[in-house]
């Protein structure tokens, strides 16, 4: 079954990298995957989106995702200015980075479909910086079951193979913490 994911964030927050990591993790679990951004004249801090499709079968479509099954919101302040839930339905789930309770967030989805993780807190604790795109991989693995935590770890290792080993280790700790923070 084809799953369509829309990632919302701000320029400079690694929204494109988030989509790539999701696709790589799914690929490691034997799935077909594609990830792509929308580029325009965005600048640092401007709202941006990237997209991911995951399927057991080849993916032929290439257009932007208008009806997501899953929403990833890297910056909950976007909920105040962007309709991140556009095109969603009653089955769409949202994974949102926020320190607030889900009942405090303004998003037009059933409460049972909203999952909140304080990825910022985890990122600062584990990575030392407010970089939440990798942290959210753990939450995505836990709530969507589209890929395993092991595949998420492998995706981090592959994507950051050229970086210092400590960066890889801290990102893996961060995704594990996000994974373990959410209940099943």
Protein backbone atom coordinates (compact mmCIF):
# COMPACT_ATOMS: atom_id res chain seq x y z
CA UNK A 1 0.00 0.00 0.00
CA UNK A 2 1.32 3.43 -0.97
CA UNK A 3 1.94 5.79 1.97
CA UNK A 4 2.38 9.49 1.33
CA UNK A 5 4.20 11.70 3.80
CA UNK A 6 4.41 15.48 3.82
CA UNK A 7 7.14 17.06 5.94
CA UNK A 8 6.62 20.65 7.12
CA UNK A 9 9.31 22.85 8.56
CA UNK A 10 11.21 26.05 8.01
CA UNK A 11 14.12 26.77 5.72
CA UNK A 12 17.33 25.71 7.43
CA UNK A 13 15.72 23.03 9.62
CA UNK A 14 16.72 20.09 7.44
CA UNK A 15 13.29 19.39 5.94
CA UNK A 16 14.85 17.95 2.78
CA UNK A 17 17.24 15.78 4.81
CA UNK A 18 14.30 14.53 6.91
CA UNK A 19 12.53 13.29 3.77
CA UNK A 20 15.71 11.65 2.49
CA UNK A 21 16.30 9.86 5.79
CA UNK A 22 12.74 8.52 5.86
CA UNK A 23 13.12 7.19 2.31
CA UNK A 24 16.51 5.63 3.04
CA UNK A 25 15.19 3.92 6.18
CA UNK A 26 12.22 2.50 4.25
CA UNK A 27 14.57 1.31 1.52
CA UNK A 28 16.63 -0.57 4.11
CA UNK A 29 13.43 -2.40 5.06
CA UNK A 30 13.00 -3.53 1.44
CA UNK A 31 10.45 -0.94 0.37
CA UNK A 32 10.32 1.33 -2.63
CA UNK A 33 10.74 4.96 -1.65
CA UNK A 34 11.08 8.41 -3.12
CA UNK A 35 11.82 11.73 -1.45
CA UNK A 36 11.76 15.18 -2.99
CA UNK A 37 11.44 18.81 -1.90
CA UNK A 38 9.58 21.82 -3.19
CA UNK A 39 11.93 24.66 -3.94
CA UNK A 40 11.11 28.24 -4.68
CA UNK A 41 12.51 31.46 -3.35
CA UNK A 42 12.37 30.24 0.25
CA UNK A 43 14.91 31.55 2.66
CA UNK A 44 15.99 30.59 6.13
CA UNK A 45 12.94 30.56 8.39
CA UNK A 46 10.35 30.47 5.60
CA UNK A 47 7.81 27.61 5.64
CA UNK A 48 8.85 24.77 3.32
CA UNK A 49 7.76 21.23 2.52
CA UNK A 50 9.29 18.01 1.35
CA UNK A 51 7.59 14.78 0.37
CA UNK A 52 8.10 11.05 0.77
CA UNK A 53 6.31 8.11 -0.80
CA UNK A 54 6.79 4.56 0.46
CA UNK A 55 5.34 1.44 -1.12
CA UNK A 56 5.85 -2.28 -1.52
CA UNK A 57 5.54 -1.78 -5.31
CA UNK A 58 7.30 0.56 -7.76
CA UNK A 59 6.21 4.19 -7.40
CA UNK A 60 5.37 5.84 -10.70
CA UNK A 61 3.84 9.14 -9.60
CA UNK A 62 6.09 12.16 -9.06
CA UNK A 63 3.77 15.03 -8.19
CA UNK A 64 3.57 16.86 -4.89
CA UNK A 65 1.57 15.18 -2.15
CA UNK A 66 -1.86 16.75 -1.83
CA UNK A 67 -3.53 14.04 0.31
CA UNK A 68 -1.01 12.86 2.91
CA UNK A 69 -1.41 9.76 5.03
CA UNK A 70 1.21 11.11 7.42
CA UNK A 71 2.22 14.65 8.36
CA UNK A 72 5.54 15.47 10.00
CA UNK A 73 5.72 18.94 11.55
CA UNK A 74 9.24 19.91 12.57
CA UNK A 75 8.21 23.32 13.90
CA UNK A 76 4.87 23.61 15.69
CA UNK A 77 4.80 27.41 15.23
CA UNK A 78 3.82 26.63 11.63
CA UNK A 79 0.41 25.55 12.93
CA UNK A 80 -0.34 29.23 13.58
CA UNK A 81 0.31 30.35 10.00
CA UNK A 82 0.16 27.35 7.64
CA UNK A 83 -2.68 24.87 7.13
CA UNK A 84 -0.43 21.83 7.44
CA UNK A 85 -3.47 19.53 7.53
CA UNK A 86 -4.76 20.56 4.09
CA UNK A 87 -5.76 17.54 2.06
CA UNK A 88 -5.79 15.31 5.14
CA UNK A 89 -8.62 12.99 6.10
CA UNK A 90 -9.84 11.35 9.31
CA UNK A 91 -7.13 8.66 9.03
CA UNK A 92 -4.16 10.99 8.50
CA UNK A 93 -1.73 10.96 11.39
CA UNK A 94 0.51 13.82 12.45
CA UNK A 95 3.80 13.66 14.30
CA UNK A 96 4.55 17.10 15.69
CA UNK A 97 7.63 18.48 17.39
CA UNK A 98 6.31 20.47 20.34
CA UNK A 99 6.68 20.90 24.07
CA UNK A 100 2.90 21.45 24.29
CA UNK A 101 0.22 18.85 24.89
CA UNK A 102 -1.56 17.75 21.73
CA UNK A 103 -4.85 19.25 22.99
CA UNK A 104 -3.12 22.67 22.93
CA UNK A 105 -2.15 22.40 19.26
CA UNK A 106 -4.35 23.84 16.53
CA UNK A 107 -4.52 21.22 13.80
CA UNK A 108 -7.64 19.92 12.10
CA UNK A 109 -7.18 16.21 12.82
CA UNK A 110 -8.74 13.80 15.32
CA UNK A 111 -6.87 13.95 18.65
CA UNK A 112 -6.14 10.22 18.51
CA UNK A 113 -4.19 10.79 15.26
CA UNK A 114 -1.88 13.43 16.73
CA UNK A 115 1.42 12.39 18.28
CA UNK A 116 3.64 14.93 19.98
CA UNK A 117 7.30 14.54 20.78
CA UNK A 118 9.53 17.25 22.19
CA UNK A 119 12.20 16.67 19.56
CA UNK A 120 13.78 20.03 20.34
CA UNK A 121 14.45 18.98 23.95
CA UNK A 122 15.85 15.62 22.81
CA UNK A 123 18.02 17.26 20.12
CA UNK A 124 19.53 19.75 22.55
CA UNK A 125 20.15 17.01 25.13
CA UNK A 126 21.63 14.42 22.76
CA UNK A 127 23.07 16.42 19.85
CA UNK A 128 23.75 19.74 21.55
CA UNK A 129 21.84 21.68 18.86
CA UNK A 130 18.22 22.28 17.90
CA UNK A 131 18.31 19.90 14.93
CA UNK A 132 15.09 17.90 15.06
CA UNK A 133 14.91 16.25 11.63
CA UNK A 134 16.94 13.23 12.69
CA UNK A 135 15.30 13.01 16.12
CA UNK A 136 11.86 12.71 14.52
CA UNK A 137 12.99 9.57 12.65
CA UNK A 138 12.58 7.63 15.88
CA UNK A 139 9.03 8.91 16.38
CA UNK A 140 8.16 8.15 12.75
CA UNK A 141 9.49 4.59 13.08
CA UNK A 142 7.46 4.04 16.26
CA UNK A 143 4.14 5.51 15.10
CA UNK A 144 4.02 4.54 11.42
CA UNK A 145 5.80 1.16 11.41
CA UNK A 146 6.94 2.04 7.86
CA UNK A 147 10.49 1.15 8.85
CA UNK A 148 12.26 -0.23 11.89
CA UNK A 149 14.40 1.69 14.34
CA UNK A 150 17.36 -0.37 13.09
CA UNK A 151 16.74 0.87 9.54
CA UNK A 152 16.51 4.43 10.85
CA UNK A 153 19.91 3.96 12.48
CA UNK A 154 21.34 2.57 9.24
CA UNK A 155 19.94 5.57 7.37
CA UNK A 156 21.75 7.92 9.77
CA UNK A 157 24.99 5.99 9.30
CA UNK A 158 24.68 6.11 5.51
CA UNK A 159 23.60 9.75 5.21
CA UNK A 160 26.26 11.00 7.63
CA UNK A 161 29.06 8.56 6.70
CA UNK A 162 31.30 11.50 5.76
CA UNK A 163 30.77 13.21 9.14
CA UNK A 164 32.53 12.72 12.45
CA UNK A 165 31.65 9.44 14.19
CA UNK A 166 30.39 11.36 17.25
CA UNK A 167 27.73 13.09 15.09
CA UNK A 168 26.45 9.69 13.98
CA UNK A 169 26.44 8.34 17.55
CA UNK A 170 24.61 11.34 19.03
CA UNK A 171 21.97 11.28 16.27
CA UNK A 172 21.37 7.58 16.86
CA UNK A 173 20.96 8.21 20.60
CA UNK A 174 18.47 10.96 19.76
CA UNK A 175 16.31 8.80 17.48
CA UNK A 176 16.31 6.02 20.07
CA UNK A 177 15.16 8.45 22.76
CA UNK A 178 12.35 9.78 20.53
CA UNK A 179 11.33 6.20 19.72
CA UNK A 180 11.23 5.26 23.40
CA UNK A 181 9.45 8.47 24.44
CA UNK A 182 6.29 7.59 22.53
CA UNK A 183 4.00 4.84 23.74
CA UNK A 184 3.04 2.09 21.32
